[in-house]
């Protein structure tokens, strides 16, 4: 039996979790509201907030787990990718904490952690290898074929912007607020997804491109606003529903094709955009159509959290893959 303390600080959420093997004992997250007024994450403000949050968050996770810090067997931490200033806070704390206790360090790739969140023991079925996972967030969009916990083949990925970035940009263009993804998702439920048509780029293979969708949406609104300055306000829900349908449809078309081509019968989603209600329902619909098994993460494991870092760290701990204290964080 092993107890893993995990630390996540890649962007604007400070999080710490404690796992006993693959069972989650605690998962504490401190979110940063300071970025809302700027319409996006301000790296310098994020790193300062991490400095303020890291000690109470880790202390809270240990207390909630009902353990003593001396019982911890290893400290797992997000090494990257992410914002350098934010990562520095988590990495430095993890190194200091582990060294003070004489415990080993386990470095974790943030993207792998999102995918491996499906293996946190919740008393429910877990994916069996091989399976397809669509990893989609504000900074990354990839279709992965998982052959083992750490053998992930990238079948396709975005060649420019990420899907989550495109959704957030659409929200910003319409001045809906930040973060834009949840707002668009909420308003889309009140709109007609067929009200407006937006083209998707013709990209070979399983790759994606979202910059064109973003730009075409901007030009579409610019032209309509010339004719009617109140166009966005009048059609806000329909615009949200239509752009969301365009992006989600593009995502799932490639994912479905990858699963068919690779003859895989289990498909998962992960990452921040996996909280999107249309993406979740479309995955389930497609899997039902093909008699596949869908794996949809609980909402609490969609956004950045230390629980996913902990489960990735646990599997590395079992393999004896420990990190040297000299390892620096990386942004990409």
C-alpha atoms as a PDB file:
ATOM      1  CA  UNK A   1       0.000   0.000   0.000  1.00  0.00           C
ATOM      2  CA  UNK A   2       1.335   3.435  -0.910  1.00  0.00           C
ATOM      3  CA  UNK A   3       0.244   6.961  -0.068  1.00  0.00           C
ATOM      4  CA  UNK A   4       0.884   9.618  -2.721  1.00  0.00           C
ATOM      5  CA  UNK A   5       0.713  13.377  -2.162  1.00  0.00           C
ATOM      6  CA  UNK A   6       0.085  15.134  -5.486  1.00  0.00           C
ATOM      7  CA  UNK A   7       0.520  18.799  -6.383  1.00  0.00           C
ATOM      8  CA  UNK A   8      -0.876  20.591  -9.445  1.00  0.00           C
ATOM      9  CA  UNK A   9      -0.068  24.215 -10.342  1.00  0.00           C
ATOM     10  CA  UNK A  10       0.212  24.311 -14.125  1.00  0.00           C
ATOM     11  CA  UNK A  11      -2.134  27.248 -14.761  1.00  0.00           C
ATOM     12  CA  UNK A  12      -4.535  29.099 -12.466  1.00  0.00           C
ATOM     13  CA  UNK A  13      -5.735  26.373 -10.066  1.00  0.00           C
ATOM     14  CA  UNK A  14      -3.684  25.384  -7.040  1.00  0.00           C
ATOM     15  CA  UNK A  15      -4.538  21.820  -6.085  1.00  0.00           C
ATOM     16  CA  UNK A  16      -3.290  19.082  -3.780  1.00  0.00           C
ATOM     17  CA  UNK A  17      -4.586  15.532  -3.422  1.00  0.00           C
ATOM     18  CA  UNK A  18      -3.802  12.434  -1.410  1.00  0.00           C
ATOM     19  CA  UNK A  19      -4.275   8.919  -2.775  1.00  0.00           C
ATOM     20  CA  UNK A  20      -3.921   5.561  -1.091  1.00  0.00           C
ATOM     21  CA  UNK A  21      -2.973   3.392  -4.050  1.00  0.00           C
ATOM     22  CA  UNK A  22      -5.651   4.253  -6.646  1.00  0.00           C
ATOM     23  CA  UNK A  23      -8.223   5.417  -4.075  1.00  0.00           C
ATOM     24  CA  UNK A  24      -8.703   9.166  -3.710  1.00  0.00           C
ATOM     25  CA  UNK A  25      -8.648  10.351  -0.089  1.00  0.00           C
ATOM     26  CA  UNK A  26      -8.757  14.102  -0.718  1.00  0.00           C
ATOM     27  CA  UNK A  27      -8.642  16.601  -3.564  1.00  0.00           C
ATOM     28  CA  UNK A  28      -8.453  20.282  -2.593  1.00  0.00           C
ATOM     29  CA  UNK A  29      -8.577  23.019  -5.238  1.00  0.00           C
ATOM     30  CA  UNK A  30      -8.140  26.781  -4.849  1.00  0.00           C
ATOM     31  CA  UNK A  31      -9.370  28.620  -7.944  1.00  0.00           C
ATOM     32  CA  UNK A  32      -8.289  32.135  -8.871  1.00  0.00           C
ATOM     33  CA  UNK A  33     -11.036  34.694  -9.550  1.00  0.00           C
ATOM     34  CA  UNK A  34      -8.591  37.530 -10.190  1.00  0.00           C
ATOM     35  CA  UNK A  35      -8.342  36.711 -13.919  1.00  0.00           C
ATOM     36  CA  UNK A  36     -12.031  37.240 -14.696  1.00  0.00           C
ATOM     37  CA  UNK A  37     -11.659  41.011 -15.042  1.00  0.00           C
ATOM     38  CA  UNK A  38      -8.926  40.531 -17.648  1.00  0.00           C
ATOM     39  CA  UNK A  39     -10.773  37.972 -19.788  1.00  0.00           C
ATOM     40  CA  UNK A  40      -7.983  35.407 -19.482  1.00  0.00           C
ATOM     41  CA  UNK A  41      -5.201  34.124 -17.262  1.00  0.00           C
ATOM     42  CA  UNK A  42      -2.525  36.685 -16.366  1.00  0.00           C
ATOM     43  CA  UNK A  43       0.637  34.606 -15.748  1.00  0.00           C
ATOM     44  CA  UNK A  44       2.204  36.927 -13.149  1.00  0.00           C
ATOM     45  CA  UNK A  45      -0.996  37.118 -11.110  1.00  0.00           C
ATOM     46  CA  UNK A  46      -1.412  33.351 -11.358  1.00  0.00           C
ATOM     47  CA  UNK A  47       2.040  32.612  -9.933  1.00  0.00           C
ATOM     48  CA  UNK A  48       1.510  35.081  -7.076  1.00  0.00           C
ATOM     49  CA  UNK A  49      -1.797  33.428  -6.197  1.00  0.00           C
ATOM     50  CA  UNK A  50      -0.146  29.989  -6.226  1.00  0.00           C
ATOM     51  CA  UNK A  51       2.395  31.256  -3.695  1.00  0.00           C
ATOM     52  CA  UNK A  52      -0.436  32.333  -1.406  1.00  0.00           C
ATOM     53  CA  UNK A  53      -2.467  29.136  -1.856  1.00  0.00           C
ATOM     54  CA  UNK A  54       0.058  26.298  -1.941  1.00  0.00           C
ATOM     55  CA  UNK A  55       0.636  25.831   1.805  1.00  0.00           C
ATOM     56  CA  UNK A  56      -3.034  25.983   2.948  1.00  0.00           C
ATOM     57  CA  UNK A  57      -4.108  23.777   0.021  1.00  0.00           C
ATOM     58  CA  UNK A  58      -1.528  21.060   0.789  1.00  0.00           C
ATOM     59  CA  UNK A  59      -2.277  21.281   4.510  1.00  0.00           C
ATOM     60  CA  UNK A  60      -5.989  20.979   3.782  1.00  0.00           C
ATOM     61  CA  UNK A  61      -5.488  17.920   1.567  1.00  0.00           C
ATOM     62  CA  UNK A  62      -3.434  16.125   4.219  1.00  0.00           C
ATOM     63  CA  UNK A  63      -5.948  16.949   6.945  1.00  0.00           C
ATOM     64  CA  UNK A  64      -8.936  15.908   4.820  1.00  0.00           C
ATOM     65  CA  UNK A  65      -7.227  12.614   3.981  1.00  0.00           C
ATOM     66  CA  UNK A  66      -6.827  11.889   7.681  1.00  0.00           C
ATOM     67  CA  UNK A  67      -3.134  11.051   7.461  1.00  0.00           C
ATOM     68  CA  UNK A  68       0.097  12.352   8.942  1.00  0.00           C
ATOM     69  CA  UNK A  69       2.640  13.811   6.547  1.00  0.00           C
ATOM     70  CA  UNK A  70       5.149  11.196   7.738  1.00  0.00           C
ATOM     71  CA  UNK A  71       2.930   8.496   6.186  1.00  0.00           C
ATOM     72  CA  UNK A  72       3.405   9.870   2.675  1.00  0.00           C
ATOM     73  CA  UNK A  73       5.452   7.518   0.485  1.00  0.00           C
ATOM     74  CA  UNK A  74       6.085   9.852  -2.471  1.00  0.00           C
ATOM     75  CA  UNK A  75       5.329  13.355  -3.722  1.00  0.00           C
ATOM     76  CA  UNK A  76       3.999  13.629  -7.277  1.00  0.00           C
ATOM     77  CA  UNK A  77       3.990  16.994  -9.037  1.00  0.00           C
ATOM     78  CA  UNK A  78       3.073  18.479 -12.397  1.00  0.00           C
ATOM     79  CA  UNK A  79       6.344  19.262 -14.140  1.00  0.00           C
ATOM     80  CA  UNK A  80       4.701  20.543 -17.340  1.00  0.00           C
ATOM     81  CA  UNK A  81       3.390  21.665 -19.683  1.00  0.00           C
ATOM     82  CA  UNK A  82       1.957  24.904 -18.330  1.00  0.00           C
ATOM     83  CA  UNK A  83       2.814  28.468 -17.331  1.00  0.00           C
ATOM     84  CA  UNK A  84       6.418  28.674 -16.164  1.00  0.00           C
ATOM     85  CA  UNK A  85       5.756  30.911 -13.161  1.00  0.00           C
ATOM     86  CA  UNK A  86       2.857  28.759 -11.971  1.00  0.00           C
ATOM     87  CA  UNK A  87       4.792  25.531 -12.447  1.00  0.00           C
ATOM     88  CA  UNK A  88       7.776  26.923 -10.547  1.00  0.00           C
ATOM     89  CA  UNK A  89       5.664  27.347  -7.416  1.00  0.00           C
ATOM     90  CA  UNK A  90       4.347  23.775  -7.404  1.00  0.00           C
ATOM     91  CA  UNK A  91       7.636  22.183  -8.457  1.00  0.00           C
ATOM     92  CA  UNK A  92       9.663  24.104  -5.864  1.00  0.00           C
ATOM     93  CA  UNK A  93       7.231  23.265  -3.090  1.00  0.00           C
ATOM     94  CA  UNK A  94       7.115  19.580  -4.052  1.00  0.00           C
ATOM     95  CA  UNK A  95      10.907  19.361  -4.054  1.00  0.00           C
ATOM     96  CA  UNK A  96      11.221  21.090  -0.688  1.00  0.00           C
ATOM     97  CA  UNK A  97       8.441  19.034   0.909  1.00  0.00           C
ATOM     98  CA  UNK A  98       9.820  15.731  -0.367  1.00  0.00           C
ATOM     99  CA  UNK A  99      13.381  16.573   0.657  1.00  0.00           C
ATOM    100  CA  UNK A 100      12.301  17.632   4.150  1.00  0.00           C
ATOM    101  CA  UNK A 101      10.541  14.284   4.647  1.00  0.00           C
ATOM    102  CA  UNK A 102      13.162  12.222   2.846  1.00  0.00           C
ATOM    103  CA  UNK A 103      10.573  10.976   0.321  1.00  0.00           C
ATOM    104  CA  UNK A 104      11.012  10.329  -3.427  1.00  0.00           C
ATOM    105  CA  UNK A 105       9.706  12.667  -6.100  1.00  0.00           C
ATOM    106  CA  UNK A 106       7.574  11.630  -9.074  1.00  0.00           C
ATOM    107  CA  UNK A 107       7.274  13.995 -12.038  1.00  0.00           C
ATOM    108  CA  UNK A 108       4.013  13.962 -13.984  1.00  0.00           C
ATOM    109  CA  UNK A 109       3.102  15.195 -17.446  1.00  0.00           C
ATOM    110  CA  UNK A 110      -0.033  17.315 -17.156  1.00  0.00           C
ATOM    111  CA  UNK A 111      -1.604  15.934 -20.344  1.00  0.00           C
ATOM    112  CA  UNK A 112      -0.989  12.295 -19.415  1.00  0.00           C
ATOM    113  CA  UNK A 113      -2.541  13.029 -16.035  1.00  0.00           C
ATOM    114  CA  UNK A 114      -5.780  14.222 -17.648  1.00  0.00           C
ATOM    115  CA  UNK A 115      -6.071  10.944 -19.556  1.00  0.00           C
ATOM    116  CA  UNK A 116      -5.164   8.774 -16.567  1.00  0.00           C
ATOM    117  CA  UNK A 117      -7.854  10.398 -14.406  1.00  0.00           C
ATOM    118  CA  UNK A 118     -10.099   7.625 -15.776  1.00  0.00           C
ATOM    119  CA  UNK A 119      -8.175   5.153 -13.616  1.00  0.00           C
ATOM    120  CA  UNK A 120      -8.994   6.746 -10.262  1.00  0.00           C
ATOM    121  CA  UNK A 121     -10.881   4.055  -8.380  1.00  0.00           C
ATOM    122  CA  UNK A 122     -14.518   5.133  -8.152  1.00  0.00           C
ATOM    123  CA  UNK A 123     -16.031   1.677  -8.030  1.00  0.00           C
ATOM    124  CA  UNK A 124     -16.946   1.912 -11.721  1.00  0.00           C
ATOM    125  CA  UNK A 125     -15.556   0.273 -14.883  1.00  0.00           C
ATOM    126  CA  UNK A 126     -12.258   1.640 -16.164  1.00  0.00           C
ATOM    127  CA  UNK A 127     -10.974   1.625 -19.767  1.00  0.00           C
ATOM    128  CA  UNK A 128      -9.214  -1.480 -21.002  1.00  0.00           C
ATOM    129  CA  UNK A 129      -6.223  -1.176 -23.314  1.00  0.00           C
ATOM    130  CA  UNK A 130      -6.153  -0.332 -26.115  1.00  0.00           C
ATOM    131  CA  UNK A 131      -8.611   2.559 -26.179  1.00  0.00           C
ATOM    132  CA  UNK A 132      -9.000   5.943 -27.857  1.00  0.00           C
ATOM    133  CA  UNK A 133      -9.015   9.159 -25.832  1.00  0.00           C
ATOM    134  CA  UNK A 134      -9.886  12.610 -27.107  1.00  0.00           C
ATOM    135  CA  UNK A 135      -7.875  15.020 -24.970  1.00  0.00           C
ATOM    136  CA  UNK A 136      -9.338  18.473 -25.401  1.00  0.00           C
ATOM    137  CA  UNK A 137      -8.712  21.627 -23.387  1.00  0.00           C
ATOM    138  CA  UNK A 138      -7.960  25.317 -23.688  1.00  0.00           C
ATOM    139  CA  UNK A 139      -4.386  24.627 -24.700  1.00  0.00           C
ATOM    140  CA  UNK A 140      -4.375  21.159 -26.240  1.00  0.00           C
ATOM    141  CA  UNK A 141      -6.388  19.004 -28.635  1.00  0.00           C
ATOM    142  CA  UNK A 142      -5.198  15.470 -29.369  1.00  0.00           C
ATOM    143  CA  UNK A 143      -6.575  12.077 -30.335  1.00  0.00           C
ATOM    144  CA  UNK A 144      -4.583   9.436 -28.473  1.00  0.00           C
ATOM    145  CA  UNK A 145      -4.387   5.654 -28.743  1.00  0.00           C
ATOM    146  CA  UNK A 146      -3.529   4.247 -25.327  1.00  0.00           C
ATOM    147  CA  UNK A 147      -1.751   0.908 -25.337  1.00  0.00           C
ATOM    148  CA  UNK A 148      -0.745   1.084 -21.654  1.00  0.00           C
ATOM    149  CA  UNK A 149      -0.788   3.690 -18.898  1.00  0.00           C
ATOM    150  CA  UNK A 150       2.165   5.554 -20.387  1.00  0.00           C
ATOM    151  CA  UNK A 151       2.244   4.293 -23.970  1.00  0.00           C
ATOM    152  CA  UNK A 152       0.150   6.917 -25.738  1.00  0.00           C
ATOM    153  CA  UNK A 153       0.327   7.228 -29.504  1.00  0.00           C
ATOM    154  CA  UNK A 154      -0.732  10.602 -30.876  1.00  0.00           C
ATOM    155  CA  UNK A 155      -2.986   9.842 -33.838  1.00  0.00           C
ATOM    156  CA  UNK A 156      -3.959  13.426 -34.490  1.00  0.00           C
ATOM    157  CA  UNK A 157      -3.695  16.882 -32.971  1.00  0.00           C
ATOM    158  CA  UNK A 158      -4.413  20.508 -33.701  1.00  0.00           C
ATOM    159  CA  UNK A 159      -1.991  22.204 -36.051  1.00  0.00           C
ATOM    160  CA  UNK A 160      -2.755  25.641 -34.582  1.00  0.00           C
ATOM    161  CA  UNK A 161      -5.283  26.628 -31.894  1.00  0.00           C
ATOM    162  CA  UNK A 162      -6.907  24.282 -29.404  1.00  0.00           C
ATOM    163  CA  UNK A 163     -10.660  23.627 -29.358  1.00  0.00           C
ATOM    164  CA  UNK A 164     -11.061  25.184 -25.924  1.00  0.00           C
ATOM    165  CA  UNK A 165      -9.238  28.290 -27.090  1.00  0.00           C
ATOM    166  CA  UNK A 166     -11.625  28.612 -30.038  1.00  0.00           C
ATOM    167  CA  UNK A 167     -14.651  28.362 -27.740  1.00  0.00           C
ATOM    168  CA  UNK A 168     -13.203  30.915 -25.313  1.00  0.00           C
ATOM    169  CA  UNK A 169     -12.403  33.262 -28.211  1.00  0.00           C
ATOM    170  CA  UNK A 170     -15.974  33.013 -29.493  1.00  0.00           C
ATOM    171  CA  UNK A 171     -17.213  33.954 -26.031  1.00  0.00           C
ATOM    172  CA  UNK A 172     -14.793  36.883 -25.904  1.00  0.00           C
ATOM    173  CA  UNK A 173     -15.901  38.143 -29.319  1.00  0.00           C
ATOM    174  CA  UNK A 174     -19.484  38.177 -28.041  1.00  0.00           C
ATOM    175  CA  UNK A 175     -18.375  39.764 -24.741  1.00  0.00           C
ATOM    176  CA  UNK A 176     -19.943  36.958 -22.690  1.00  0.00           C
ATOM    177  CA  UNK A 177     -17.367  36.910 -19.899  1.00  0.00           C
ATOM    178  CA  UNK A 178     -14.624  34.568 -18.690  1.00  0.00           C
ATOM    179  CA  UNK A 179     -14.199  31.631 -18.663  1.00  0.00           C
ATOM    180  CA  UNK A 180     -16.118  31.463 -21.905  1.00  0.00           C
ATOM    181  CA  UNK A 181     -16.591  27.703 -22.293  1.00  0.00           C
ATOM    182  CA  UNK A 182     -19.129  27.179 -19.484  1.00  0.00           C
ATOM    183  CA  UNK A 183     -21.025  30.332 -20.496  1.00  0.00           C
ATOM    184  CA  UNK A 184     -21.385  29.220 -24.119  1.00  0.00           C
ATOM    185  CA  UNK A 185     -22.410  25.746 -22.967  1.00  0.00           C
ATOM    186  CA  UNK A 186     -25.134  27.199 -20.736  1.00  0.00           C
ATOM    187  CA  UNK A 187     -26.503  29.621 -23.334  1.00  0.00           C
ATOM    188  CA  UNK A 188     -26.366  26.988 -26.096  1.00  0.00           C
ATOM    189  CA  UNK A 189     -29.006  24.946 -24.280  1.00  0.00           C
ATOM    190  CA  UNK A 190     -31.468  27.788 -24.917  1.00  0.00           C
ATOM    191  CA  UNK A 191     -30.611  28.208 -28.610  1.00  0.00           C
ATOM    192  CA  UNK A 192     -31.099  26.593 -32.015  1.00  0.00           C
ATOM    193  CA  UNK A 193     -27.894  24.839 -33.066  1.00  0.00           C
ATOM    194  CA  UNK A 194     -29.006  24.899 -36.717  1.00  0.00           C
ATOM    195  CA  UNK A 195     -29.657  28.640 -36.817  1.00  0.00           C
ATOM    196  CA  UNK A 196     -26.246  29.428 -38.327  1.00  0.00           C
ATOM    197  CA  UNK A 197     -23.802  27.326 -40.324  1.00  0.00           C
ATOM    198  CA  UNK A 198     -20.052  27.573 -39.879  1.00  0.00           C
ATOM    199  CA  UNK A 199     -17.659  25.613 -42.063  1.00  0.00           C
ATOM    200  CA  UNK A 200     -14.909  23.396 -40.699  1.00  0.00           C
ATOM    201  CA  UNK A 201     -11.488  23.144 -42.386  1.00  0.00           C
ATOM    202  CA  UNK A 202     -10.551  20.138 -44.486  1.00  0.00           C
ATOM    203  CA  UNK A 203      -7.513  18.785 -42.651  1.00  0.00           C
ATOM    204  CA  UNK A 204      -5.985  15.460 -43.667  1.00  0.00           C
ATOM    205  CA  UNK A 205      -5.951  12.472 -41.346  1.00  0.00           C
ATOM    206  CA  UNK A 206      -6.944  12.908 -37.731  1.00  0.00           C
ATOM    207  CA  UNK A 207      -5.470  16.399 -37.301  1.00  0.00           C
ATOM    208  CA  UNK A 208      -7.468  19.515 -36.413  1.00  0.00           C
ATOM    209  CA  UNK A 209      -7.352  23.237 -37.124  1.00  0.00           C
ATOM    210  CA  UNK A 210      -9.439  25.737 -35.177  1.00  0.00           C
ATOM    211  CA  UNK A 211      -7.933  29.098 -36.149  1.00  0.00           C
ATOM    212  CA  UNK A 212     -10.071  29.239 -39.300  1.00  0.00           C
ATOM    213  CA  UNK A 213     -13.287  28.549 -37.386  1.00  0.00           C
ATOM    214  CA  UNK A 214     -12.365  31.311 -34.969  1.00  0.00           C
ATOM    215  CA  UNK A 215     -11.620  33.796 -37.756  1.00  0.00           C
ATOM    216  CA  UNK A 216     -14.705  32.957 -39.806  1.00  0.00           C
ATOM    217  CA  UNK A 217     -16.887  33.444 -36.721  1.00  0.00           C
ATOM    218  CA  UNK A 218     -15.314  36.866 -36.173  1.00  0.00           C
ATOM    219  CA  UNK A 219     -15.905  37.936 -39.797  1.00  0.00           C
ATOM    220  CA  UNK A 220     -19.457  36.570 -39.723  1.00  0.00           C
ATOM    221  CA  UNK A 221     -20.302  38.701 -36.695  1.00  0.00           C
ATOM    222  CA  UNK A 222     -18.525  41.753 -38.096  1.00  0.00           C
ATOM    223  CA  UNK A 223     -20.648  41.662 -41.242  1.00  0.00           C
ATOM    224  CA  UNK A 224     -23.892  41.113 -39.323  1.00  0.00           C
ATOM    225  CA  UNK A 225     -23.132  43.899 -36.855  1.00  0.00           C
ATOM    226  CA  UNK A 226     -22.719  46.366 -39.725  1.00  0.00           C
ATOM    227  CA  UNK A 227     -26.336  45.698 -40.664  1.00  0.00           C
ATOM    228  CA  UNK A 228     -27.679  45.352 -37.114  1.00  0.00           C
ATOM    229  CA  UNK A 229     -25.670  46.588 -34.103  1.00  0.00           C
ATOM    230  CA  UNK A 230     -27.911  44.510 -31.819  1.00  0.00           C
ATOM    231  CA  UNK A 231     -27.347  41.271 -33.736  1.00  0.00           C
ATOM    232  CA  UNK A 232     -25.348  39.495 -31.016  1.00  0.00           C
ATOM    233  CA  UNK A 233     -27.781  40.418 -28.278  1.00  0.00           C
ATOM    234  CA  UNK A 234     -30.765  39.272 -30.371  1.00  0.00           C
ATOM    235  CA  UNK A 235     -29.208  35.932 -31.389  1.00  0.00           C
ATOM    236  CA  UNK A 236     -26.854  35.176 -28.496  1.00  0.00           C
ATOM    237  CA  UNK A 237     -28.244  31.744 -27.627  1.00  0.00           C
ATOM    238  CA  UNK A 238     -28.454  30.634 -31.272  1.00  0.00           C
ATOM    239  CA  UNK A 239     -24.889  31.815 -31.921  1.00  0.00           C
ATOM    240  CA  UNK A 240     -23.626  29.873 -28.899  1.00  0.00           C
ATOM    241  CA  UNK A 241     -25.497  26.742 -29.921  1.00  0.00           C
ATOM    242  CA  UNK A 242     -24.307  26.948 -33.529  1.00  0.00           C
ATOM    243  CA  UNK A 243     -20.615  27.543 -32.843  1.00  0.00           C
ATOM    244  CA  UNK A 244     -20.603  24.860 -30.151  1.00  0.00           C
ATOM    245  CA  UNK A 245     -22.209  22.353 -32.523  1.00  0.00           C
ATOM    246  CA  UNK A 246     -19.602  23.209 -35.185  1.00  0.00           C
ATOM    247  CA  UNK A 247     -16.630  22.644 -32.873  1.00  0.00           C
ATOM    248  CA  UNK A 248     -17.993  19.558 -31.126  1.00  0.00           C
ATOM    249  CA  UNK A 249     -19.052  18.015 -34.430  1.00  0.00           C
ATOM    250  CA  UNK A 250     -15.564  18.566 -35.835  1.00  0.00           C
ATOM    251  CA  UNK A 251     -13.999  16.995 -32.737  1.00  0.00           C
ATOM    252  CA  UNK A 252     -16.188  13.916 -32.727  1.00  0.00           C
ATOM    253  CA  UNK A 253     -16.059  13.272 -36.491  1.00  0.00           C
ATOM    254  CA  UNK A 254     -12.298  12.719 -36.327  1.00  0.00           C
ATOM    255  CA  UNK A 255     -12.478  10.777 -33.062  1.00  0.00           C
ATOM    256  CA  UNK A 256     -15.135   8.454 -34.455  1.00  0.00           C
ATOM    257  CA  UNK A 257     -13.074   7.862 -37.599  1.00  0.00           C
ATOM    258  CA  UNK A 258      -9.962   7.071 -35.533  1.00  0.00           C
ATOM    259  CA  UNK A 259     -11.833   4.518 -33.434  1.00  0.00           C
ATOM    260  CA  UNK A 260     -13.288   2.844 -36.534  1.00  0.00           C
ATOM    261  CA  UNK A 261      -9.949   2.730 -38.313  1.00  0.00           C
ATOM    262  CA  UNK A 262      -8.108   1.341 -35.303  1.00  0.00           C
ATOM    263  CA  UNK A 263     -10.922  -1.091 -34.499  1.00  0.00           C
ATOM    264  CA  UNK A 264     -11.138   0.116 -30.926  1.00  0.00           C
ATOM    265  CA  UNK A 265     -14.384  -0.352 -29.031  1.00  0.00           C
ATOM    266  CA  UNK A 266     -13.721   1.935 -26.071  1.00  0.00           C
ATOM    267  CA  UNK A 267     -13.549   5.721 -26.378  1.00  0.00           C
ATOM    268  CA  UNK A 268     -12.854   8.285 -23.660  1.00  0.00           C
ATOM    269  CA  UNK A 269     -12.654  12.062 -23.367  1.00  0.00           C
ATOM    270  CA  UNK A 270     -10.480  14.077 -20.995  1.00  0.00           C
ATOM    271  CA  UNK A 271      -9.390  17.651 -20.350  1.00  0.00           C
ATOM    272  CA  UNK A 272     -11.249  20.834 -19.502  1.00  0.00           C
ATOM    273  CA  UNK A 273     -13.547  20.773 -22.546  1.00  0.00           C
ATOM    274  CA  UNK A 274     -14.696  17.253 -21.592  1.00  0.00           C
ATOM    275  CA  UNK A 275     -17.034  19.085 -19.186  1.00  0.00           C
ATOM    276  CA  UNK A 276     -18.957  20.420 -22.189  1.00  0.00           C
ATOM    277  CA  UNK A 277     -22.464  18.952 -22.154  1.00  0.00           C
ATOM    278  CA  UNK A 278     -22.764  18.600 -25.940  1.00  0.00           C
ATOM    279  CA  UNK A 279     -19.384  16.862 -26.233  1.00  0.00           C
ATOM    280  CA  UNK A 280     -20.389  14.423 -23.497  1.00  0.00           C
ATOM    281  CA  UNK A 281     -23.750  13.635 -25.091  1.00  0.00           C
ATOM    282  CA  UNK A 282     -22.237  13.312 -28.588  1.00  0.00           C
ATOM    283  CA  UNK A 283     -19.624  10.851 -27.359  1.00  0.00           C
ATOM    284  CA  UNK A 284     -22.338   8.762 -25.749  1.00  0.00           C
ATOM    285  CA  UNK A 285     -24.502   8.932 -28.887  1.00  0.00           C
ATOM    286  CA  UNK A 286     -21.676   7.802 -31.158  1.00  0.00           C
ATOM    287  CA  UNK A 287     -20.645   5.005 -28.808  1.00  0.00           C
ATOM    288  CA  UNK A 288     -24.237   3.804 -28.570  1.00  0.00           C
ATOM    289  CA  UNK A 289     -24.477   3.807 -32.382  1.00  0.00           C
ATOM    290  CA  UNK A 290     -21.410   1.572 -32.748  1.00  0.00           C
ATOM    291  CA  UNK A 291     -22.011  -0.459 -29.578  1.00  0.00           C
ATOM    292  CA  UNK A 292     -18.821   0.953 -28.074  1.00  0.00           C
ATOM    293  CA  UNK A 293     -18.202   1.791 -24.434  1.00  0.00           C
ATOM    294  CA  UNK A 294     -17.917   5.486 -23.572  1.00  0.00           C
ATOM    295  CA  UNK A 295     -15.807   6.800 -20.703  1.00  0.00           C
ATOM    296  CA  UNK A 296     -16.802  10.268 -19.545  1.00  0.00           C
ATOM    297  CA  UNK A 297     -14.980  11.753 -16.526  1.00  0.00           C
ATOM    298  CA  UNK A 298     -16.832  13.253 -13.553  1.00  0.00           C
ATOM    299  CA  UNK A 299     -16.906  17.044 -13.756  1.00  0.00           C
ATOM    300  CA  UNK A 300     -14.473  17.362 -10.828  1.00  0.00           C
ATOM    301  CA  UNK A 301     -11.791  15.544 -12.848  1.00  0.00           C
ATOM    302  CA  UNK A 302     -12.277  17.532 -16.074  1.00  0.00           C
ATOM    303  CA  UNK A 303     -10.563  20.733 -15.018  1.00  0.00           C
ATOM    304  CA  UNK A 304      -7.040  20.910 -13.607  1.00  0.00           C
ATOM    305  CA  UNK A 305      -6.814  19.007 -10.327  1.00  0.00           C
ATOM    306  CA  UNK A 306      -4.237  17.128  -8.285  1.00  0.00           C
ATOM    307  CA  UNK A 307      -6.216  13.877  -8.173  1.00  0.00           C
ATOM    308  CA  UNK A 308      -5.244  13.157 -11.781  1.00  0.00           C
ATOM    309  CA  UNK A 309      -1.616  14.006 -10.971  1.00  0.00           C
ATOM    310  CA  UNK A 310      -1.805  11.590  -8.057  1.00  0.00           C
ATOM    311  CA  UNK A 311      -3.069   8.636 -10.092  1.00  0.00           C
ATOM    312  CA  UNK A 312      -0.373   9.224 -12.734  1.00  0.00           C
ATOM    313  CA  UNK A 313       2.170   9.474  -9.946  1.00  0.00           C
ATOM    314  CA  UNK A 314       0.906   6.247  -8.409  1.00  0.00           C
ATOM    315  CA  UNK A 315       1.479   4.266 -11.605  1.00  0.00           C
ATOM    316  CA  UNK A 316       4.971   5.722 -11.919  1.00  0.00           C
ATOM    317  CA  UNK A 317       5.647   4.935  -8.264  1.00  0.00           C
ATOM    318  CA  UNK A 318       4.772   1.284  -8.912  1.00  0.00           C
ATOM    319  CA  UNK A 319       7.373   1.248 -11.712  1.00  0.00           C
ATOM    320  CA  UNK A 320       9.986   2.913  -9.512  1.00  0.00           C
ATOM    321  CA  UNK A 321      10.243   5.912 -11.836  1.00  0.00           C
ATOM    322  CA  UNK A 322      11.444   8.658  -9.516  1.00  0.00           C
ATOM    323  CA  UNK A 323      12.557  12.165 -10.428  1.00  0.00           C
ATOM    324  CA  UNK A 324      15.855  13.816  -9.668  1.00  0.00           C
ATOM    325  CA  UNK A 325      15.545  16.942  -7.528  1.00  0.00           C
ATOM    326  CA  UNK A 326      17.406  18.945 -10.197  1.00  0.00           C
ATOM    327  CA  UNK A 327      14.666  18.539 -12.844  1.00  0.00           C
ATOM    328  CA  UNK A 328      13.230  21.921 -13.953  1.00  0.00           C
ATOM    329  CA  UNK A 329       9.641  22.515 -15.069  1.00  0.00           C
ATOM    330  CA  UNK A 330       8.849  22.809 -18.781  1.00  0.00           C
ATOM    331  CA  UNK A 331       6.233  24.874 -20.555  1.00  0.00           C
ATOM    332  CA  UNK A 332       5.602  22.756 -23.657  1.00  0.00           C
END
